[in-house]
């Protein structure tokens, strides 16, 4: 049996650090998602319309709710991929080069 003297599996500390940082990344991404979806599309729409130029003939707040949010979500997917790959490499959990 591969366990440490206290009964916990080996590498448990490293896994806990990885899990904590992973949750921080997810919370960061969800916060940005919330700001893009609810903030730009609903809460700040009037301010976006008043202070930013229209895009494609539509007010910026409307454009952000319809088109900009989709672009923002795609960018969040790529940001999540980059951050998690970086965390995997730093923590030694990457699988590049393994078959």
N, C-alpha and C. Protein backbone atom coordinates (compact mmCIF):
# COMPACT_ATOMS: atom_id res chain seq x y z
N UNK A 1 0.84 -1.17 0.00
CA UNK A 1 0.00 0.00 0.00
C UNK A 1 0.88 1.24 0.00
N UNK A 2 0.61 2.17 -0.91
CA UNK A 2 1.38 3.40 -0.99
C UNK A 2 0.67 4.50 -0.21
N UNK A 3 0.99 4.63 1.04
CA UNK A 3 0.42 5.71 1.83
C UNK A 3 1.48 6.26 2.76
N UNK A 4 1.24 7.47 3.18
CA UNK A 4 2.17 8.12 4.10
C UNK A 4 1.82 7.69 5.52
N UNK A 5 2.71 8.00 6.51
CA UNK A 5 2.46 7.55 7.89
C UNK A 5 1.11 7.98 8.44
N UNK A 6 0.60 9.12 8.01
CA UNK A 6 -0.69 9.56 8.56
C UNK A 6 -1.88 8.95 7.82
N UNK A 7 -1.62 8.08 6.83
CA UNK A 7 -2.68 7.39 6.12
C UNK A 7 -3.15 8.09 4.86
N UNK A 8 -2.63 9.28 4.59
CA UNK A 8 -3.06 9.98 3.38
C UNK A 8 -2.26 9.47 2.19
N UNK A 9 -2.84 9.52 1.00
CA UNK A 9 -2.11 9.05 -0.18
C UNK A 9 -0.94 9.96 -0.49
N UNK A 10 0.10 9.43 -1.15
CA UNK A 10 1.26 10.25 -1.46
C UNK A 10 0.90 11.37 -2.44
N UNK A 11 1.56 12.52 -2.27
CA UNK A 11 1.33 13.65 -3.16
C UNK A 11 0.05 14.41 -2.85
N UNK A 12 -0.57 14.14 -1.70
CA UNK A 12 -1.83 14.77 -1.36
C UNK A 12 -1.69 16.28 -1.24
N UNK A 13 -0.59 16.76 -0.72
CA UNK A 13 -0.37 18.20 -0.58
C UNK A 13 -0.31 18.88 -1.92
N UNK A 14 0.37 18.26 -2.86
CA UNK A 14 0.49 18.81 -4.21
C UNK A 14 -0.88 18.83 -4.88
N UNK A 15 -1.68 17.79 -4.67
CA UNK A 15 -3.01 17.74 -5.26
C UNK A 15 -3.93 18.80 -4.65
N UNK A 16 -3.78 19.04 -3.34
CA UNK A 16 -4.60 20.07 -2.69
C UNK A 16 -4.25 21.45 -3.22
N UNK A 17 -2.97 21.73 -3.42
CA UNK A 17 -2.56 23.02 -3.98
C UNK A 17 -3.09 23.16 -5.40
N UNK A 18 -2.99 22.09 -6.18
CA UNK A 18 -3.50 22.10 -7.55
C UNK A 18 -5.00 22.37 -7.57
N UNK A 19 -5.74 21.68 -6.70
CA UNK A 19 -7.19 21.84 -6.63
C UNK A 19 -7.56 23.26 -6.23
N UNK A 20 -6.86 23.82 -5.27
CA UNK A 20 -7.14 25.19 -4.83
C UNK A 20 -6.89 26.19 -5.96
N UNK A 21 -5.77 26.06 -6.63
CA UNK A 21 -5.47 26.97 -7.74
C UNK A 21 -6.44 26.78 -8.90
N UNK A 22 -6.85 25.55 -9.13
CA UNK A 22 -7.82 25.27 -10.18
C UNK A 22 -9.16 25.95 -9.87
N UNK A 23 -9.59 25.87 -8.63
CA UNK A 23 -10.83 26.54 -8.24
C UNK A 23 -10.71 28.05 -8.34
N UNK A 24 -9.54 28.60 -8.04
CA UNK A 24 -9.33 30.05 -8.19
C UNK A 24 -9.44 30.47 -9.65
N UNK A 25 -8.91 29.66 -10.55
CA UNK A 25 -9.01 29.96 -11.98
C UNK A 25 -10.47 29.92 -12.42
N UNK A 26 -11.20 28.90 -11.98
CA UNK A 26 -12.62 28.79 -12.35
C UNK A 26 -13.41 29.96 -11.79
N UNK A 27 -13.15 30.36 -10.56
CA UNK A 27 -13.84 31.50 -9.97
C UNK A 27 -13.53 32.79 -10.73
N UNK A 28 -12.28 32.96 -11.13
CA UNK A 28 -11.88 34.12 -11.92
C UNK A 28 -12.62 34.15 -13.26
N UNK A 29 -12.66 33.01 -13.95
CA UNK A 29 -13.35 32.92 -15.24
C UNK A 29 -14.85 33.17 -15.08
N UNK A 30 -15.46 32.60 -14.03
CA UNK A 30 -16.89 32.82 -13.80
C UNK A 30 -17.20 34.28 -13.47
N UNK A 31 -16.30 34.96 -12.78
CA UNK A 31 -16.50 36.37 -12.48
C UNK A 31 -16.51 37.19 -13.77
N UNK A 32 -15.56 36.93 -14.64
CA UNK A 32 -15.52 37.63 -15.92
C UNK A 32 -16.77 37.30 -16.73
N UNK A 33 -17.17 36.02 -16.74
CA UNK A 33 -18.38 35.61 -17.45
C UNK A 33 -19.59 36.37 -16.93
N UNK A 34 -19.70 36.51 -15.61
CA UNK A 34 -20.82 37.23 -15.01
C UNK A 34 -20.84 38.69 -15.45
N UNK A 35 -19.67 39.32 -15.44
CA UNK A 35 -19.59 40.72 -15.85
C UNK A 35 -19.98 40.89 -17.32
N UNK A 36 -19.51 39.97 -18.16
CA UNK A 36 -19.84 40.06 -19.59
C UNK A 36 -21.33 39.80 -19.81
N UNK A 37 -21.86 38.75 -19.23
CA UNK A 37 -23.24 38.38 -19.54
C UNK A 37 -24.26 39.30 -18.88
N UNK A 38 -24.22 39.41 -17.58
CA UNK A 38 -25.22 40.22 -16.89
C UNK A 38 -24.83 41.69 -16.86
N UNK A 39 -23.55 41.95 -16.62
CA UNK A 39 -23.11 43.35 -16.51
C UNK A 39 -23.24 44.11 -17.81
N UNK A 40 -22.57 43.63 -18.87
CA UNK A 40 -22.58 44.35 -20.15
C UNK A 40 -23.92 44.26 -20.86
N UNK A 41 -24.60 43.14 -20.72
CA UNK A 41 -25.85 42.96 -21.43
C UNK A 41 -27.06 43.57 -20.76
N UNK A 42 -27.05 43.71 -19.42
CA UNK A 42 -28.23 44.17 -18.72
C UNK A 42 -27.94 45.38 -17.83
N UNK A 43 -27.03 45.22 -16.87
CA UNK A 43 -26.83 46.25 -15.85
C UNK A 43 -26.20 47.54 -16.37
N UNK A 44 -25.20 47.42 -17.23
CA UNK A 44 -24.47 48.60 -17.69
C UNK A 44 -24.84 49.00 -19.12
N UNK A 45 -25.95 48.46 -19.63
CA UNK A 45 -26.31 48.69 -21.02
C UNK A 45 -26.52 50.17 -21.33
N UNK A 46 -27.22 50.89 -20.50
CA UNK A 46 -27.45 52.31 -20.75
C UNK A 46 -26.14 53.10 -20.77
N UNK A 47 -25.24 52.79 -19.85
CA UNK A 47 -23.95 53.49 -19.82
C UNK A 47 -23.11 53.14 -21.06
N UNK A 48 -23.13 51.88 -21.47
CA UNK A 48 -22.40 51.49 -22.66
C UNK A 48 -22.97 52.19 -23.89
N UNK A 49 -24.29 52.30 -23.96
CA UNK A 49 -24.92 52.99 -25.09
C UNK A 49 -24.55 54.47 -25.10
N UNK A 50 -24.48 55.08 -23.93
CA UNK A 50 -24.24 56.52 -23.85
C UNK A 50 -22.78 56.89 -24.11
N UNK A 51 -21.85 56.08 -23.65
CA UNK A 51 -20.45 56.49 -23.67
C UNK A 51 -19.59 55.81 -24.73
N UNK A 52 -20.08 54.78 -25.39
CA UNK A 52 -19.30 54.08 -26.40
C UNK A 52 -19.99 54.18 -27.76
N UNK A 53 -19.22 54.21 -28.83
CA UNK A 53 -19.82 54.37 -30.16
C UNK A 53 -20.61 53.13 -30.58
N UNK A 54 -21.61 53.34 -31.42
CA UNK A 54 -22.36 52.18 -31.91
C UNK A 54 -21.52 51.30 -32.82
N UNK A 55 -21.86 50.02 -32.88
CA UNK A 55 -21.15 49.07 -33.73
C UNK A 55 -22.17 48.49 -34.71
N UNK A 56 -21.90 48.63 -35.99
CA UNK A 56 -22.80 48.09 -37.00
C UNK A 56 -24.18 48.71 -36.99
N UNK A 57 -24.29 49.95 -36.55
CA UNK A 57 -25.58 50.63 -36.52
C UNK A 57 -26.40 50.34 -35.28
N UNK A 58 -25.91 49.50 -34.40
CA UNK A 58 -26.64 49.18 -33.17
C UNK A 58 -25.92 49.81 -31.98
N UNK A 59 -26.65 50.22 -30.96
CA UNK A 59 -26.00 50.74 -29.75
C UNK A 59 -25.05 49.70 -29.17
N UNK A 60 -23.97 50.17 -28.54
CA UNK A 60 -22.95 49.25 -28.06
C UNK A 60 -23.50 48.27 -27.03
N UNK A 61 -24.38 48.71 -26.14
CA UNK A 61 -24.94 47.82 -25.13
C UNK A 61 -25.73 46.69 -25.76
N UNK A 62 -26.51 47.01 -26.78
CA UNK A 62 -27.27 45.97 -27.49
C UNK A 62 -26.31 45.02 -28.20
N UNK A 63 -25.30 45.59 -28.87
CA UNK A 63 -24.33 44.76 -29.58
C UNK A 63 -23.61 43.83 -28.59
N UNK A 64 -23.25 44.36 -27.44
CA UNK A 64 -22.53 43.55 -26.45
C UNK A 64 -23.42 42.41 -25.95
N UNK A 65 -24.69 42.68 -25.76
CA UNK A 65 -25.61 41.64 -25.29
C UNK A 65 -25.81 40.57 -26.36
N UNK A 66 -25.80 40.95 -27.62
CA UNK A 66 -26.10 40.00 -28.70
C UNK A 66 -24.86 39.33 -29.26
N UNK A 67 -23.87 40.11 -29.67
CA UNK A 67 -22.70 39.57 -30.36
C UNK A 67 -21.45 39.56 -29.49
N UNK A 68 -21.23 40.64 -28.78
CA UNK A 68 -20.01 40.78 -27.98
C UNK A 68 -19.89 39.73 -26.90
N UNK A 69 -21.01 39.34 -26.32
CA UNK A 69 -20.98 38.32 -25.27
C UNK A 69 -20.48 36.99 -25.83
N UNK A 70 -20.89 36.65 -27.03
CA UNK A 70 -20.44 35.40 -27.64
C UNK A 70 -18.94 35.44 -27.87
N UNK A 71 -18.45 36.54 -28.39
CA UNK A 71 -17.00 36.70 -28.60
C UNK A 71 -16.27 36.64 -27.26
N UNK A 72 -16.83 37.30 -26.24
CA UNK A 72 -16.23 37.25 -24.91
C UNK A 72 -16.18 35.85 -24.34
N UNK A 73 -17.23 35.06 -24.56
CA UNK A 73 -17.26 33.70 -24.06
C UNK A 73 -16.21 32.83 -24.75
N UNK A 74 -16.04 33.03 -26.05
CA UNK A 74 -15.00 32.28 -26.76
C UNK A 74 -13.61 32.65 -26.25
N UNK A 75 -13.39 33.93 -25.98
CA UNK A 75 -12.11 34.35 -25.42
C UNK A 75 -11.90 33.75 -24.03
N UNK A 76 -12.97 33.63 -23.26
CA UNK A 76 -12.86 33.00 -21.94
C UNK A 76 -12.47 31.53 -22.04
N UNK A 77 -12.98 30.84 -23.05
CA UNK A 77 -12.59 29.45 -23.25
C UNK A 77 -11.10 29.32 -23.51
N UNK A 78 -10.57 30.19 -24.37
CA UNK A 78 -9.14 30.15 -24.65
C UNK A 78 -8.32 30.55 -23.43
N UNK A 79 -8.79 31.54 -22.67
CA UNK A 79 -8.10 31.95 -21.45
C UNK A 79 -8.07 30.81 -20.45
N UNK A 80 -9.19 30.11 -20.29
CA UNK A 80 -9.24 28.96 -19.39
C UNK A 80 -8.25 27.88 -19.81
N UNK A 81 -8.20 27.60 -21.11
CA UNK A 81 -7.28 26.60 -21.62
C UNK A 81 -5.83 26.97 -21.32
N UNK A 82 -5.48 28.22 -21.56
CA UNK A 82 -4.11 28.68 -21.32
C UNK A 82 -3.77 28.61 -19.84
N UNK A 83 -4.66 29.10 -18.98
CA UNK A 83 -4.39 29.10 -17.54
C UNK A 83 -4.30 27.68 -16.97
N UNK A 84 -5.17 26.80 -17.40
CA UNK A 84 -5.14 25.43 -16.87
C UNK A 84 -3.93 24.66 -17.39
N UNK A 85 -3.55 24.86 -18.66
CA UNK A 85 -2.34 24.20 -19.17
C UNK A 85 -1.11 24.68 -18.42
N UNK A 86 -1.07 25.97 -18.12
CA UNK A 86 0.05 26.51 -17.35
C UNK A 86 0.09 25.91 -15.94
N UNK A 87 -1.07 25.82 -15.31
CA UNK A 87 -1.15 25.23 -13.98
C UNK A 87 -0.75 23.75 -14.01
N UNK A 88 -1.19 23.03 -15.04
CA UNK A 88 -0.81 21.62 -15.17
C UNK A 88 0.70 21.45 -15.27
N UNK A 89 1.33 22.29 -16.08
CA UNK A 89 2.79 22.21 -16.24
C UNK A 89 3.51 22.55 -14.94
N UNK A 90 3.07 23.60 -14.26
CA UNK A 90 3.72 24.01 -13.01
C UNK A 90 3.56 22.97 -11.92
N UNK A 91 2.42 22.27 -11.93
CA UNK A 91 2.14 21.30 -10.88
C UNK A 91 2.63 19.90 -11.21
N UNK A 92 3.08 19.70 -12.43
CA UNK A 92 3.57 18.39 -12.81
C UNK A 92 2.48 17.41 -13.21
N UNK A 93 1.31 17.91 -13.56
CA UNK A 93 0.20 17.06 -13.95
C UNK A 93 -0.02 17.06 -15.46
N UNK A 94 0.87 17.68 -16.22
CA UNK A 94 0.70 17.69 -17.68
C UNK A 94 0.99 16.33 -18.25
N UNK A 95 0.41 16.04 -19.39
CA UNK A 95 0.58 14.73 -20.00
C UNK A 95 1.23 14.84 -21.36
N UNK A 96 1.86 15.97 -21.66
CA UNK A 96 2.54 16.13 -22.93
C UNK A 96 3.75 15.21 -22.99
N UNK A 97 3.89 14.50 -24.07
CA UNK A 97 5.02 13.59 -24.23
C UNK A 97 4.78 12.21 -23.68
N UNK A 98 3.68 11.99 -22.96
CA UNK A 98 3.36 10.68 -22.43
C UNK A 98 2.41 9.98 -23.36
N UNK A 99 2.56 8.68 -23.48
CA UNK A 99 1.62 7.92 -24.35
C UNK A 99 1.12 6.71 -23.62
